[in-house]
Protein backbone atom coordinates (compact mmCIF):
# COMPACT_ATOMS: atom_id res chain seq x y z
CA MET A 1 13.21 -30.70 32.10
CA LYS A 2 9.84 -28.88 32.45
CA LYS A 3 7.31 -29.82 29.73
CA GLN A 4 6.47 -26.96 27.34
CA GLU A 5 3.02 -25.58 28.06
CA TYR A 6 0.64 -23.43 26.00
CA ALA A 7 -1.69 -20.58 26.90
CA ILE A 8 -4.66 -20.66 24.52
CA VAL A 9 -6.31 -17.23 24.57
CA ASP A 10 -9.37 -15.57 23.21
CA ILE A 11 -10.66 -12.09 23.90
CA GLU A 12 -13.64 -10.00 23.07
CA THR A 13 -13.16 -6.22 22.60
CA THR A 14 -14.85 -2.92 22.00
CA GLY A 15 -13.24 -2.52 18.57
CA GLY A 16 -10.57 -3.58 16.14
CA ASN A 17 -7.40 -2.02 17.52
CA ALA A 18 -5.59 -2.02 20.80
CA THR A 19 -4.79 1.63 20.80
CA HIS A 20 -8.31 2.92 20.89
CA SER A 21 -10.29 -0.17 21.94
CA SER A 22 -10.35 -2.28 25.13
CA ILE A 23 -10.88 -5.89 26.25
CA THR A 24 -14.38 -6.78 27.46
CA GLU A 25 -13.83 -10.53 28.07
CA ILE A 26 -10.76 -12.78 28.21
CA ALA A 27 -10.54 -16.61 28.46
CA ILE A 28 -7.15 -18.48 28.99
CA ILE A 29 -6.82 -22.27 28.65
CA ILE A 30 -3.59 -23.95 29.73
CA HIS A 31 -2.51 -26.88 27.62
CA ASP A 32 0.47 -29.15 28.25
CA GLY A 33 0.76 -30.53 24.71
CA GLU A 34 -1.46 -33.50 25.47
CA LYS A 35 -4.38 -32.15 27.43
CA ILE A 36 -6.04 -29.18 29.11
CA ILE A 37 -4.65 -28.68 32.63
CA ASP A 38 -6.23 -25.44 33.72
CA GLN A 39 -8.64 -22.72 32.41
CA TRP A 40 -9.83 -19.25 33.53
CA GLU A 41 -11.99 -16.51 32.12
CA SER A 42 -13.41 -13.21 33.11
CA LEU A 43 -15.56 -10.36 31.90
CA VAL A 44 -13.67 -7.05 31.89
CA ASN A 45 -14.99 -3.54 32.39
CA PRO A 46 -13.48 -1.56 29.45
CA GLN A 47 -14.35 1.84 31.12
CA LYS A 48 -16.00 2.86 27.94
CA GLU A 49 -19.29 2.35 26.05
CA ILE A 50 -19.50 -0.90 23.95
CA PRO A 51 -20.69 0.08 20.49
CA PRO A 52 -24.09 -1.43 19.35
CA THR A 53 -22.47 -3.41 16.58
CA ILE A 54 -20.25 -5.17 19.04
CA VAL A 55 -23.17 -5.81 21.45
CA ALA A 56 -25.07 -7.35 18.58
CA LEU A 57 -22.05 -9.66 17.72
CA THR A 58 -21.02 -10.83 21.22
CA GLY A 59 -24.06 -10.17 23.40
CA ILE A 60 -21.81 -8.43 25.89
CA THR A 61 -23.77 -5.44 27.04
CA ASN A 62 -22.71 -2.36 28.96
CA GLU A 63 -25.03 -3.61 31.81
CA LEU A 64 -23.34 -7.03 31.83
CA ILE A 65 -19.85 -5.61 32.37
CA GLY A 66 -21.01 -2.85 34.77
CA ASN A 67 -19.76 -4.72 37.86
CA ALA A 68 -16.88 -6.62 36.15
CA PRO A 69 -13.27 -5.89 37.20
CA VAL A 70 -11.21 -3.46 35.19
CA PHE A 71 -8.19 -5.05 33.44
CA ASP A 72 -5.79 -3.63 36.00
CA MET A 73 -7.48 -5.69 38.71
CA ILE A 74 -6.88 -8.98 36.92
CA SER A 75 -3.57 -8.07 35.29
CA ASP A 76 -1.44 -10.13 37.72
CA THR A 77 -3.67 -13.18 37.18
CA VAL A 78 -3.41 -12.89 33.40
CA LEU A 79 0.40 -12.40 33.60
CA GLY A 80 0.74 -15.38 35.82
CA LEU A 81 -1.23 -17.60 33.44
CA LEU A 82 0.79 -16.49 30.42
CA THR A 83 4.29 -16.39 31.83
CA ASP A 84 6.76 -19.02 30.42
CA ARG A 85 3.99 -20.38 28.02
CA ILE A 86 3.58 -20.26 24.28
CA PHE A 87 0.79 -17.74 23.44
CA VAL A 88 -1.71 -19.47 21.22
CA ALA A 89 -4.66 -17.87 19.45
CA HIS A 90 -6.66 -17.90 16.27
CA ASN A 91 -5.20 -14.91 14.29
CA VAL A 92 -2.62 -14.61 17.17
CA ASN A 93 -1.40 -11.05 16.48
CA PHE A 94 -4.80 -9.54 17.25
CA ASP A 95 -5.17 -11.13 20.67
CA TYR A 96 -1.42 -10.76 21.40
CA SER A 97 -1.45 -6.95 20.63
CA PHE A 98 -4.38 -6.30 22.90
CA VAL A 99 -3.22 -8.39 25.89
CA ARG A 100 0.33 -6.86 25.63
CA HIS A 101 -1.10 -3.35 25.48
CA GLU A 102 -3.32 -3.85 28.43
CA LEU A 103 -0.49 -5.34 30.55
CA GLU A 104 1.73 -2.49 29.60
CA GLN A 105 -1.05 0.00 30.75
CA SER A 106 -0.92 -1.84 34.04
CA GLY A 107 2.79 -1.40 34.29
CA LEU A 108 3.64 -5.02 33.47
CA LYS A 109 6.22 -5.87 30.86
CA TRP A 110 5.53 -9.12 29.00
CA THR A 111 6.54 -10.85 25.72
CA ALA A 112 6.11 -14.47 24.63
CA LYS A 113 6.58 -16.76 21.71
CA LYS A 114 3.41 -16.98 19.59
CA LEU A 115 1.57 -19.64 17.68
CA CYS A 116 -1.30 -18.83 15.23
CA THR A 117 -3.74 -21.56 14.75
CA VAL A 118 -4.78 -20.04 11.47
CA ARG A 119 -1.30 -20.51 10.11
CA ALA A 120 -0.86 -23.84 11.73
CA ALA A 121 -4.11 -25.14 10.15
CA ARG A 122 -3.13 -23.72 6.73
CA LYS A 123 0.10 -25.87 6.92
CA ILE A 124 -1.23 -29.02 8.51
CA LYS A 125 -4.60 -29.07 6.80
CA PRO A 126 -4.14 -27.24 3.44
CA GLY A 127 -7.00 -26.71 0.97
CA ILE A 128 -9.87 -25.82 3.36
CA THR A 129 -12.24 -23.25 1.75
CA SER A 130 -11.98 -20.84 4.82
CA TYR A 131 -9.75 -20.72 7.82
CA SER A 132 -11.98 -18.45 9.96
CA LEU A 133 -12.68 -20.18 13.34
CA GLY A 134 -16.40 -20.80 12.56
CA ARG A 135 -15.78 -22.24 9.06
CA LEU A 136 -12.87 -24.24 10.16
CA CYS A 137 -14.69 -25.89 13.05
CA ASP A 138 -17.47 -26.79 10.65
CA SER A 139 -15.03 -28.42 8.22
CA LEU A 140 -13.23 -30.36 10.95
CA ASN A 141 -16.34 -31.25 13.01
CA ILE A 142 -15.21 -29.35 16.06
CA PRO A 143 -17.92 -28.23 18.39
CA LEU A 144 -18.16 -24.39 18.72
CA ASP A 145 -20.65 -23.27 21.43
CA ASN A 146 -21.16 -19.79 22.62
CA ARG A 147 -19.67 -18.25 19.40
CA HIS A 148 -18.11 -14.73 19.77
CA ARG A 149 -17.70 -15.19 23.53
CA ALA A 150 -14.18 -15.55 24.91
CA GLY A 151 -14.88 -18.86 26.65
CA GLY A 152 -16.57 -20.57 23.72
CA ASP A 153 -14.12 -19.41 21.12
CA ALA A 154 -11.08 -20.42 23.36
CA ALA A 155 -12.64 -23.83 24.02
CA ALA A 156 -13.02 -24.48 20.24
CA THR A 157 -9.52 -23.13 19.63
CA ALA A 158 -8.14 -25.57 22.32
CA ILE A 159 -9.79 -28.53 20.46
CA LEU A 160 -8.42 -27.34 17.21
CA PHE A 161 -4.93 -26.97 18.74
CA SER A 162 -5.10 -30.50 20.18
CA ARG A 163 -6.06 -31.95 16.78
CA LEU A 164 -3.35 -30.00 14.91
CA LEU A 165 -0.81 -31.46 17.37
CA GLU A 166 -1.99 -35.00 16.54
CA TRP A 167 -2.08 -34.30 12.76
CA ASP A 168 1.32 -32.54 12.64
CA THR A 169 3.34 -35.39 11.32
CA GLU A 170 5.87 -33.15 9.60
CA GLY A 171 6.73 -31.13 12.79
CA GLU A 172 5.30 -27.84 11.50
CA ILE A 173 4.25 -26.48 14.89
CA PRO A 174 7.69 -26.74 16.61
CA LYS A 175 9.24 -24.93 13.45
CA MET A 176 6.57 -22.21 13.84
CA ILE A 177 7.17 -21.66 17.54
CA LYS A 178 10.86 -20.94 17.03
CA LYS A 179 11.28 -17.19 17.81
CA THR A 180 12.97 -16.59 14.46
CA ALA A 181 10.38 -18.36 12.47
CA PRO A 182 9.34 -16.07 9.57
CA ASP A 183 5.73 -17.30 9.85
CA GLN A 184 5.34 -15.41 13.18
CA ARG A 185 5.93 -12.09 11.37
CA LEU A 186 3.60 -12.68 8.42
CA PRO A 187 -0.01 -11.58 8.19
CA PRO A 188 -2.39 -14.29 9.26
CA ASN A 189 -3.95 -14.90 5.95
CA LEU A 190 -0.82 -14.72 3.78
CA PRO A 191 0.43 -18.09 2.50
CA PRO A 192 4.17 -18.25 3.46
CA GLU A 193 5.18 -19.47 0.03
CA ASP A 194 3.99 -16.11 -1.35
CA PHE A 195 6.56 -14.34 0.78
CA GLU A 196 9.27 -17.02 0.32
CA GLN A 197 9.13 -16.59 -3.51
CA LEU A 198 10.06 -12.92 -3.40
CA PRO A 199 13.55 -12.33 -4.83
CA GLU A 200 16.12 -9.91 -3.38
CA LYS A 201 15.97 -7.73 -6.57
CA PRO A 202 14.46 -4.36 -7.53
CA GLY A 203 10.81 -4.48 -8.58
CA VAL A 204 7.20 -3.82 -7.83
CA TYR A 205 4.95 -5.85 -5.52
CA TYR A 206 1.28 -6.22 -5.23
CA PHE A 207 -0.90 -7.12 -2.13
CA TYR A 208 -4.27 -8.75 -2.81
CA ASN A 209 -7.35 -9.13 -0.50
CA GLU A 210 -9.57 -12.18 -0.27
CA GLN A 211 -11.37 -11.30 -3.46
CA LYS A 212 -8.11 -11.18 -5.39
CA LYS A 213 -8.35 -7.38 -5.70
CA VAL A 214 -5.06 -5.34 -5.50
CA ILE A 215 -5.10 -3.27 -2.28
CA TYR A 216 -1.48 -1.96 -2.22
CA ILE A 217 1.23 -1.54 -4.77
CA GLY A 218 4.88 -0.76 -3.74
CA LYS A 219 8.36 -0.47 -5.18
CA ALA A 220 11.51 -1.82 -3.76
CA VAL A 221 15.30 -2.04 -4.32
CA ASP A 222 15.13 -5.39 -2.60
CA LEU A 223 11.58 -6.93 -2.88
CA LYS A 224 11.86 -9.51 0.04
CA LYS A 225 13.44 -6.93 2.48
CA ARG A 226 10.92 -4.29 1.59
CA VAL A 227 7.88 -6.55 1.88
CA ALA A 228 9.23 -7.94 5.21
CA SER A 229 9.41 -4.36 6.54
CA HIS A 230 5.56 -4.02 6.15
CA PHE A 231 5.23 -6.93 8.76
CA SER A 232 7.87 -5.96 11.21
CA GLY A 233 7.46 -3.62 14.22
CA HIS A 234 4.65 -3.41 16.86
CA LYS A 235 2.44 -0.69 15.74
CA ILE A 236 -1.14 -1.32 16.70
CA THR A 237 -2.97 1.40 14.84
CA PRO A 238 -6.34 0.37 13.30
CA GLN A 239 -5.01 1.22 9.83
CA ARG A 240 -2.08 -1.10 10.20
CA GLN A 241 -4.17 -3.93 11.77
CA ASN A 242 -6.87 -3.70 9.04
CA PHE A 243 -4.11 -3.52 6.35
CA LEU A 244 -2.36 -6.67 7.57
CA ARG A 245 -5.65 -8.61 7.99
CA ASP A 246 -6.60 -7.79 4.35
CA ILE A 247 -3.39 -9.28 2.84
CA HIS A 248 -4.20 -12.65 1.34
CA ALA A 249 -1.68 -12.93 -1.45
CA ILE A 250 1.47 -11.30 -2.94
CA SER A 251 2.71 -11.05 -6.53
CA PHE A 252 5.62 -9.11 -7.92
CA GLU A 253 7.38 -7.98 -11.17
CA VAL A 254 11.20 -7.75 -11.15
CA CYS A 255 12.57 -4.56 -12.65
CA ALA A 256 16.20 -4.07 -13.79
CA THR A 257 16.67 -0.70 -11.94
CA GLU A 258 15.01 1.42 -9.09
CA LEU A 259 14.05 4.02 -11.73
CA MET A 260 12.04 1.45 -13.74
CA ALA A 261 10.45 0.22 -10.51
CA LEU A 262 9.43 3.78 -9.51
CA LEU A 263 7.92 4.32 -12.94
CA LEU A 264 6.01 0.97 -12.97
CA GLU A 265 4.83 1.52 -9.51
CA GLY A 266 3.39 4.98 -10.35
CA SER A 267 1.78 3.67 -13.54
CA GLU A 268 0.10 0.81 -11.80
CA ILE A 269 -1.17 2.93 -8.96
CA LYS A 270 -2.61 5.33 -11.57
CA LYS A 271 -4.29 2.44 -13.26
CA LEU A 272 -5.69 0.54 -10.27
CA TRP A 273 -5.73 3.12 -7.35
CA PRO A 274 -5.52 0.52 -4.61
CA VAL A 275 -7.29 1.35 -1.38
CA TYR A 276 -4.22 1.52 0.80
CA ASN A 277 -2.06 3.65 -1.56
CA LYS A 278 -2.27 7.28 -0.53
CA ALA A 279 1.14 8.79 -0.87
CA LEU A 280 1.32 9.13 -4.71
CA LYS A 281 -1.91 11.27 -4.74
CA ARG A 282 0.01 14.32 -3.36
CA PHE A 283 2.29 14.29 -6.46
CA GLU A 284 -0.63 14.85 -8.81
CA PRO A 285 -0.10 18.13 -10.82
CA LYS A 286 -2.40 20.95 -9.63
CA PHE A 287 -2.06 23.34 -12.58
CA GLY A 288 -1.89 23.05 -16.32
CA LEU A 289 -1.22 25.13 -19.48
CA PHE A 290 -4.44 25.44 -21.58
CA GLU A 291 -5.20 27.00 -24.99
CA TYR A 292 -8.67 27.97 -26.06
CA GLU A 293 -10.39 30.04 -28.61
CA ALA A 294 -12.90 32.91 -27.68
CA ARG A 295 -16.09 33.34 -29.67
CA ASN A 296 -14.79 36.09 -31.81
CA GLY A 297 -11.84 33.81 -32.84
CA TYR A 298 -8.92 35.09 -30.78
CA ARG A 299 -6.82 32.36 -29.07
CA TYR A 300 -5.82 32.56 -25.37
CA LEU A 301 -3.11 30.88 -23.34
CA ALA A 302 -4.04 30.18 -19.68
CA ILE A 303 -2.55 28.69 -16.45
CA ALA A 304 -5.44 27.19 -14.53
CA LYS A 305 -6.18 24.65 -11.91
CA MET A 306 -6.61 21.13 -13.29
CA ALA A 307 -9.61 18.93 -13.00
CA LYS A 308 -9.12 15.21 -12.50
CA ASN A 309 -8.12 13.42 -15.65
CA GLN A 310 -8.17 16.72 -17.62
CA ASN A 311 -5.90 16.96 -20.63
CA CYS A 312 -3.58 19.98 -20.89
CA ILE A 313 -0.59 21.12 -22.95
CA GLU A 314 1.80 20.90 -19.95
CA SER A 315 1.20 20.39 -16.24
CA PHE A 316 2.82 21.92 -13.18
CA SER A 317 3.02 21.19 -9.54
CA SER A 318 2.55 24.86 -8.61
CA LEU A 319 0.80 27.93 -9.99
CA TYR A 320 4.14 29.82 -9.77
CA GLU A 321 5.97 27.23 -11.96
CA GLY A 322 3.22 27.55 -14.58
CA ILE A 323 3.23 31.40 -14.51
CA LEU A 324 6.99 31.47 -15.02
CA MET A 325 6.71 29.26 -18.10
CA LEU A 326 3.84 31.19 -19.71
CA GLN A 327 5.64 34.57 -19.04
CA GLU A 328 8.83 33.29 -20.76
CA VAL A 329 6.96 31.96 -23.86
CA SER A 330 4.68 34.93 -24.20
CA SER A 331 7.59 37.30 -23.88
CA ARG A 332 9.80 35.41 -26.42
CA PHE A 333 6.99 35.54 -29.07
CA GLU A 334 5.65 39.02 -28.14
CA ILE A 335 2.12 37.72 -27.35
CA ASP A 336 -0.33 40.36 -26.19
CA GLN A 337 -0.56 39.92 -22.43
CA ARG A 338 -4.23 40.61 -22.54
CA PHE A 339 -4.60 37.16 -24.02
CA CYS A 340 -2.59 35.36 -21.27
CA ILE A 341 -4.37 34.20 -18.23
CA TYR A 342 -2.18 33.61 -15.14
CA GLY A 343 -4.19 31.50 -12.75
CA HIS A 344 -7.45 33.51 -12.50
CA THR A 345 -9.77 34.45 -15.39
CA ASN A 346 -10.27 37.88 -13.98
CA GLN A 347 -6.58 38.65 -14.36
CA GLY A 348 -6.88 39.03 -18.15
CA GLU A 349 -9.49 40.87 -20.21
CA SER A 350 -11.95 38.77 -22.09
CA SER A 351 -11.93 39.42 -25.80
CA SER A 352 -15.47 40.74 -25.45
CA GLU A 353 -14.26 43.40 -23.03
CA ILE A 354 -11.28 44.42 -25.12
CA LYS A 355 -12.18 47.35 -27.31
CA ALA A 356 -12.35 46.34 -30.93
CA ASP A 357 -10.09 49.13 -32.14
CA SER A 358 -7.37 47.94 -29.74
CA LEU A 359 -7.45 44.31 -30.77
CA PRO A 360 -4.38 42.97 -32.56
CA ASP A 361 -4.72 41.57 -36.04
CA LEU A 362 -6.59 38.26 -35.60
CA MET A 363 -4.45 36.14 -37.98
CA GLN A 364 -1.22 37.54 -36.77
CA HIS A 365 -2.10 37.05 -33.12
CA ASN A 366 -3.38 33.42 -33.57
CA ASP A 367 -0.28 32.61 -35.65
CA LYS A 368 1.96 33.90 -32.73
CA ILE A 369 -0.05 31.53 -30.39
CA GLN A 370 0.55 28.62 -32.70
CA ILE A 371 4.30 29.34 -33.35
CA ALA A 372 4.78 29.66 -29.54
CA LEU A 373 3.14 26.33 -28.83
CA ASP A 374 4.98 24.59 -31.68
CA TYR A 375 8.27 26.03 -30.37
CA TYR A 376 7.59 24.92 -26.83
CA ARG A 377 6.65 21.38 -27.93
CA ALA A 378 9.59 21.13 -30.37
CA ASN A 379 12.22 22.25 -27.82
CA GLN A 380 11.21 19.72 -25.10
CA PRO A 381 14.12 17.27 -24.98
CA SER A 382 13.95 13.75 -26.34
CA TYR A 383 16.40 11.14 -24.98
CA ILE A 384 16.71 7.62 -23.81
CA ILE A 385 18.21 6.25 -20.54
CA MET A 386 20.18 3.03 -21.13
CA ASP A 387 21.05 1.02 -18.05
CA LYS A 388 21.60 -2.52 -16.89
CA GLY A 389 19.07 -5.23 -17.64
CA ARG A 390 17.49 -7.94 -15.46
CA THR A 391 20.10 -10.46 -16.90
CA SER A 392 23.40 -10.02 -18.79
CA ASP A 393 21.47 -10.72 -22.05
CA GLU A 394 19.57 -7.44 -22.02
CA LYS A 395 19.71 -3.81 -21.33
CA SER A 396 16.86 -1.58 -19.87
CA CYS A 397 15.63 1.53 -21.69
CA VAL A 398 13.47 4.42 -20.64
CA TRP A 399 12.29 6.60 -23.53
CA ILE A 400 11.48 10.30 -23.14
CA GLU A 401 9.92 11.97 -26.18
CA LYS A 402 9.64 15.75 -26.38
CA GLY A 403 9.73 16.26 -22.68
CA HIS A 404 7.25 13.38 -21.85
CA PHE A 405 7.72 9.86 -20.69
CA TYR A 406 6.92 7.66 -23.74
CA GLY A 407 7.63 4.09 -22.45
CA MET A 408 10.09 1.64 -21.10
CA GLY A 409 11.29 -1.96 -21.55
CA TYR A 410 14.22 -4.15 -22.28
CA VAL A 411 16.29 -4.60 -25.41
CA PRO A 412 18.96 -7.17 -26.38
CA ALA A 413 22.31 -6.47 -24.93
CA ASP A 414 23.86 -6.39 -28.38
CA ALA A 415 21.40 -3.93 -29.81
CA SER A 416 22.85 -0.91 -31.49
CA ILE A 417 22.55 2.17 -29.26
CA THR A 418 21.99 4.34 -32.40
CA ALA A 419 19.20 2.18 -33.85
CA PHE A 420 16.50 4.20 -32.15
CA LEU A 421 13.47 2.95 -34.12
CA GLU A 422 14.54 -0.67 -33.48
CA ILE A 423 14.99 -0.01 -29.78
CA LYS A 424 11.46 1.67 -29.68
CA GLU A 425 9.87 -1.52 -30.92
CA TYR A 426 10.85 -3.28 -27.71
CA LEU A 427 9.29 -0.77 -25.29
CA THR A 428 5.94 -0.85 -23.56
CA ARG A 429 3.97 2.41 -23.95
CA TYR A 430 3.01 4.19 -20.77
CA SER A 431 1.15 7.43 -20.05
CA SER A 432 3.26 10.32 -19.03
CA ASN A 433 2.49 12.68 -16.05
CA HIS A 434 4.13 15.37 -13.98
CA TYR A 435 5.29 13.00 -11.30
CA PHE A 436 7.01 10.61 -13.77
CA MET A 437 8.86 13.52 -15.44
CA GLN A 438 10.00 14.57 -11.91
CA VAL A 439 11.38 11.16 -11.22
CA ILE A 440 13.16 10.88 -14.58
CA THR A 441 14.52 14.41 -14.49
CA THR A 442 15.94 13.85 -10.95
CA PHE A 443 17.62 10.53 -12.13
CA ALA A 444 18.94 12.21 -15.39
CA LYS A 445 20.73 14.96 -13.28
CA LYS A 446 22.36 12.35 -11.12
CA ALA A 447 23.48 10.08 -13.95
CA PRO A 448 23.98 12.05 -17.17
CA ASN A 449 26.36 9.38 -18.44
CA LYS A 450 23.38 7.12 -18.96
CA LEU A 451 21.53 9.60 -21.17
CA LYS A 452 21.66 9.73 -24.99
CA LEU A 453 19.85 12.58 -26.86
CA ILE A 454 17.78 11.42 -29.82
CA GLU A 455 16.20 13.15 -32.80
CA ILE A 456 12.45 12.87 -33.17
CA ASP A 457 10.79 13.77 -36.38
CA SER A 458 7.92 16.20 -35.96
């Protein structure tokens, strides 16, 4: 039976992602599990300018690669060296994505089992301060010459690989090489135990960077399955590669229901605004209902654009939605339309422009405005949504008070459904917003049997 061989690879590139960048140098060292049996390296003409920052890092200049072969000219050699061998690299998915992409561009199909020396070192030599190649070589007394050149980094990685094979008394490397090994799918800097601890339950998960700062928050019906989906597939966009490299830790919070997970996710994103969370921003309300008093004492109602973190009486996702609401309220209480602003201040007359002899009685007008606002607030529904808990000993509760999300939490399973004040004491208070009420209203329409109306004292 042929002995398993390994292709230890390092590349230098024009940038950080395979879609828009190209290889400028490649080195491949063949290892038979005991010793190096072959090695090869070559500069590569990327057929594009090398950015100055990359030149400064690697020393590979546009002049240096001017007469180098393009990748297509060496693709058969690369494929021959990689075929039937385990692909080994430090942060393996980076090198693997470039090599596979370049081979595909040359019309060559290739896949291989992979081994990441970052992950292998974490398992076999835990507790080292940093697992970057330079820091790791310093910690383990591995010579690293010609740093940030393919040949020098590949040679150091080969020595590291040989040592890891010697130190691997628990057989971690063979387990990692198995095609189905979950480690192969995880980001290079993520400890496997962080992924393994994830339950198959609804909840919210947090990704952290190296500085322990939250960089992404998500919700899931099945935490383990959802988190795993971030790491599957073969997208090689720069955003995805940067995202995966930034993940150094995961934490989570189990929720009883998908509704609670959605609300917790939105609340946490609003509080922390992680750098990789973009989608929720489009749900931010664009317009609000405002009330203000002019210099001569007359009160106005206005639908206007909302500034960030601006308070309003009610928020709306569209101008049309706000206009309909203000028209309904002003008509019901016979409010003079000259004191209603529908989106643009020039749509209504300012009190200074309204002739004094045509103004309504100040007290009566302002009372109408106040009665209209009191009516609107008082007639917003108050209810609770009771559902299953995280365990059989509890129930979950989402509390809506006068049309706004008040809070949520868990109450004992034997708590009286009519003891509203007692239930409220168990809840965690959250800020309401338009998005939360959209989520809650959608759920309420689908599951009316889980709602119970409550009376709230004014």
